[in-house]
């Protein structure tokens, strides 16, 4: 029952509406970090549960599959950006150091 109550926000709250409100408020880096930390805390509980039944094993495998799918989505999003910036650097176009550092740290930031 405790586990169900911990995740009840997933069906009680309008997550799509909350996300749209969050984006409309133009969140700063600190707000985004807090939101990511909250979601990471939820995922950590899902990852730390000991597997004792076949259903729990199935849930764990499903979670690993979700993580793998997320990594593939990240590749689809980040690879074109990285390629464009590599082309821009190859043609020696002027780019700010901040842009270059942001592009080079995209994957590291996602991994965190």
C-alpha atoms as a PDB file:
ATOM      1  CA  UNK A   1       0.000   0.000   0.000  1.00  0.00           C
ATOM      2  CA  UNK A   2       2.896   2.364   0.781  1.00  0.00           C
ATOM      3  CA  UNK A   3       4.339   1.835  -2.703  1.00  0.00           C
ATOM      4  CA  UNK A   4       0.984   2.604  -4.303  1.00  0.00           C
ATOM      5  CA  UNK A   5       0.619   5.833  -2.336  1.00  0.00           C
ATOM      6  CA  UNK A   6       4.162   6.888  -3.262  1.00  0.00           C
ATOM      7  CA  UNK A   7       3.306   6.753  -6.972  1.00  0.00           C
ATOM      8  CA  UNK A   8      -0.314   7.928  -6.794  1.00  0.00           C
ATOM      9  CA  UNK A   9       0.661  11.352  -8.141  1.00  0.00           C
ATOM     10  CA  UNK A  10       1.072   9.600 -11.509  1.00  0.00           C
ATOM     11  CA  UNK A  11      -2.683   9.075 -11.863  1.00  0.00           C
ATOM     12  CA  UNK A  12      -4.086  11.742  -9.523  1.00  0.00           C
ATOM     13  CA  UNK A  13      -2.378  14.758 -11.078  1.00  0.00           C
ATOM     14  CA  UNK A  14      -2.574  16.017 -14.655  1.00  0.00           C
ATOM     15  CA  UNK A  15       1.075  15.422 -15.541  1.00  0.00           C
ATOM     16  CA  UNK A  16       0.715  16.890 -19.021  1.00  0.00           C
ATOM     17  CA  UNK A  17      -0.827  20.047 -17.572  1.00  0.00           C
ATOM     18  CA  UNK A  18       1.862  20.263 -14.895  1.00  0.00           C
ATOM     19  CA  UNK A  19       4.561  19.947 -17.544  1.00  0.00           C
ATOM     20  CA  UNK A  20       2.976  22.669 -19.687  1.00  0.00           C
ATOM     21  CA  UNK A  21       2.745  24.980 -16.655  1.00  0.00           C
ATOM     22  CA  UNK A  22       6.369  24.218 -15.815  1.00  0.00           C
ATOM     23  CA  UNK A  23       7.509  25.147 -19.333  1.00  0.00           C
ATOM     24  CA  UNK A  24       5.335  28.295 -19.454  1.00  0.00           C
ATOM     25  CA  UNK A  25       7.075  29.592 -16.329  1.00  0.00           C
ATOM     26  CA  UNK A  26      10.403  29.414 -18.184  1.00  0.00           C
ATOM     27  CA  UNK A  27      12.217  27.400 -15.513  1.00  0.00           C
ATOM     28  CA  UNK A  28      15.743  28.335 -14.615  1.00  0.00           C
ATOM     29  CA  UNK A  29      18.534  25.827 -14.109  1.00  0.00           C
ATOM     30  CA  UNK A  30      17.789  25.415 -10.386  1.00  0.00           C
ATOM     31  CA  UNK A  31      14.095  24.639 -10.994  1.00  0.00           C
ATOM     32  CA  UNK A  32      15.021  22.076 -13.657  1.00  0.00           C
ATOM     33  CA  UNK A  33      17.571  20.481 -11.310  1.00  0.00           C
ATOM     34  CA  UNK A  34      14.951  20.177  -8.542  1.00  0.00           C
ATOM     35  CA  UNK A  35      12.478  18.542 -10.921  1.00  0.00           C
ATOM     36  CA  UNK A  36      15.099  16.106 -12.244  1.00  0.00           C
ATOM     37  CA  UNK A  37      16.197  15.257  -8.675  1.00  0.00           C
ATOM     38  CA  UNK A  38      12.588  14.504  -7.743  1.00  0.00           C
ATOM     39  CA  UNK A  39      12.168  12.175 -10.725  1.00  0.00           C
ATOM     40  CA  UNK A  40      15.546  10.539 -10.060  1.00  0.00           C
ATOM     41  CA  UNK A  41      14.473   9.847  -6.465  1.00  0.00           C
ATOM     42  CA  UNK A  42      11.361   8.057  -7.731  1.00  0.00           C
ATOM     43  CA  UNK A  43      13.364   6.009 -10.243  1.00  0.00           C
ATOM     44  CA  UNK A  44      15.961   5.108  -7.586  1.00  0.00           C
ATOM     45  CA  UNK A  45      13.200   3.526  -5.444  1.00  0.00           C
ATOM     46  CA  UNK A  46      12.095   1.539  -8.496  1.00  0.00           C
ATOM     47  CA  UNK A  47      15.673   0.379  -9.113  1.00  0.00           C
ATOM     48  CA  UNK A  48      16.455  -0.521  -5.495  1.00  0.00           C
ATOM     49  CA  UNK A  49      13.529  -2.873  -4.845  1.00  0.00           C
ATOM     50  CA  UNK A  50      14.654  -6.480  -4.337  1.00  0.00           C
ATOM     51  CA  UNK A  51      13.206  -8.891  -6.894  1.00  0.00           C
ATOM     52  CA  UNK A  52      11.254 -11.661  -5.165  1.00  0.00           C
ATOM     53  CA  UNK A  53       8.544 -12.607  -7.665  1.00  0.00           C
ATOM     54  CA  UNK A  54       8.317 -13.156 -11.397  1.00  0.00           C
ATOM     55  CA  UNK A  55       6.131 -10.055 -11.646  1.00  0.00           C
ATOM     56  CA  UNK A  56       8.862  -7.951 -10.024  1.00  0.00           C
ATOM     57  CA  UNK A  57      11.428  -9.476 -12.371  1.00  0.00           C
ATOM     58  CA  UNK A  58       9.215  -8.592 -15.317  1.00  0.00           C
ATOM     59  CA  UNK A  59       8.894  -5.020 -13.984  1.00  0.00           C
ATOM     60  CA  UNK A  60      12.672  -4.756 -13.614  1.00  0.00           C
ATOM     61  CA  UNK A  61      13.221  -5.984 -17.174  1.00  0.00           C
ATOM     62  CA  UNK A  62      10.601  -3.535 -18.436  1.00  0.00           C
ATOM     63  CA  UNK A  63      12.409  -0.695 -16.640  1.00  0.00           C
ATOM     64  CA  UNK A  64      15.720  -1.700 -18.217  1.00  0.00           C
ATOM     65  CA  UNK A  65      14.023  -1.751 -21.610  1.00  0.00           C
ATOM     66  CA  UNK A  66      12.650   1.772 -20.960  1.00  0.00           C
ATOM     67  CA  UNK A  67      16.152   2.976 -20.085  1.00  0.00           C
ATOM     68  CA  UNK A  68      17.547   1.436 -23.250  1.00  0.00           C
ATOM     69  CA  UNK A  69      14.818   3.106 -25.317  1.00  0.00           C
ATOM     70  CA  UNK A  70      15.632   6.439 -23.677  1.00  0.00           C
ATOM     71  CA  UNK A  71      19.289   6.053 -24.634  1.00  0.00           C
ATOM     72  CA  UNK A  72      18.267   5.411 -28.244  1.00  0.00           C
ATOM     73  CA  UNK A  73      16.065   8.516 -28.204  1.00  0.00           C
ATOM     74  CA  UNK A  74      18.964  10.547 -26.839  1.00  0.00           C
ATOM     75  CA  UNK A  75      21.122   9.344 -29.726  1.00  0.00           C
ATOM     76  CA  UNK A  76      18.449  10.385 -32.218  1.00  0.00           C
ATOM     77  CA  UNK A  77      18.261  13.848 -30.647  1.00  0.00           C
ATOM     78  CA  UNK A  78      21.907  14.560 -29.817  1.00  0.00           C
ATOM     79  CA  UNK A  79      23.698  12.977 -32.784  1.00  0.00           C
ATOM     80  CA  UNK A  80      22.369  15.471 -35.381  1.00  0.00           C
ATOM     81  CA  UNK A  81      23.281  18.371 -33.085  1.00  0.00           C
ATOM     82  CA  UNK A  82      26.773  16.991 -32.552  1.00  0.00           C
ATOM     83  CA  UNK A  83      27.200  16.426 -36.297  1.00  0.00           C
ATOM     84  CA  UNK A  84      26.103  19.964 -37.150  1.00  0.00           C
ATOM     85  CA  UNK A  85      28.542  21.477 -34.667  1.00  0.00           C
ATOM     86  CA  UNK A  86      31.331  19.208 -35.947  1.00  0.00           C
ATOM     87  CA  UNK A  87      30.634  20.481 -39.484  1.00  0.00           C
ATOM     88  CA  UNK A  88      30.594  24.086 -38.268  1.00  0.00           C
ATOM     89  CA  UNK A  89      33.969  23.582 -36.585  1.00  0.00           C
ATOM     90  CA  UNK A  90      35.388  21.827 -39.653  1.00  0.00           C
ATOM     91  CA  UNK A  91      34.479  24.849 -41.796  1.00  0.00           C
ATOM     92  CA  UNK A  92      36.096  27.019 -39.119  1.00  0.00           C
ATOM     93  CA  UNK A  93      33.014  29.085 -38.401  1.00  0.00           C
ATOM     94  CA  UNK A  94      33.187  31.228 -35.296  1.00  0.00           C
ATOM     95  CA  UNK A  95      31.412  29.589 -32.366  1.00  0.00           C
ATOM     96  CA  UNK A  96      31.360  30.689 -28.778  1.00  0.00           C
ATOM     97  CA  UNK A  97      33.218  28.614 -26.242  1.00  0.00           C
ATOM     98  CA  UNK A  98      29.972  28.235 -24.296  1.00  0.00           C
ATOM     99  CA  UNK A  99      28.209  26.647 -27.289  1.00  0.00           C
ATOM    100  CA  UNK A 100      31.065  24.227 -27.894  1.00  0.00           C
ATOM    101  CA  UNK A 101      31.169  23.232 -24.217  1.00  0.00           C
ATOM    102  CA  UNK A 102      27.398  22.760 -24.079  1.00  0.00           C
ATOM    103  CA  UNK A 103      27.398  20.497 -27.122  1.00  0.00           C
ATOM    104  CA  UNK A 104      30.360  18.489 -25.861  1.00  0.00           C
ATOM    105  CA  UNK A 105      28.675  17.927 -22.485  1.00  0.00           C
ATOM    106  CA  UNK A 106      25.181  17.012 -23.764  1.00  0.00           C
ATOM    107  CA  UNK A 107      25.590  13.280 -23.240  1.00  0.00           C
ATOM    108  CA  UNK A 108      27.351  13.657 -19.888  1.00  0.00           C
ATOM    109  CA  UNK A 109      24.527  15.872 -18.618  1.00  0.00           C
ATOM    110  CA  UNK A 110      21.928  13.378 -19.795  1.00  0.00           C
ATOM    111  CA  UNK A 111      23.790  10.519 -18.094  1.00  0.00           C
ATOM    112  CA  UNK A 112      23.738  12.400 -14.812  1.00  0.00           C
END
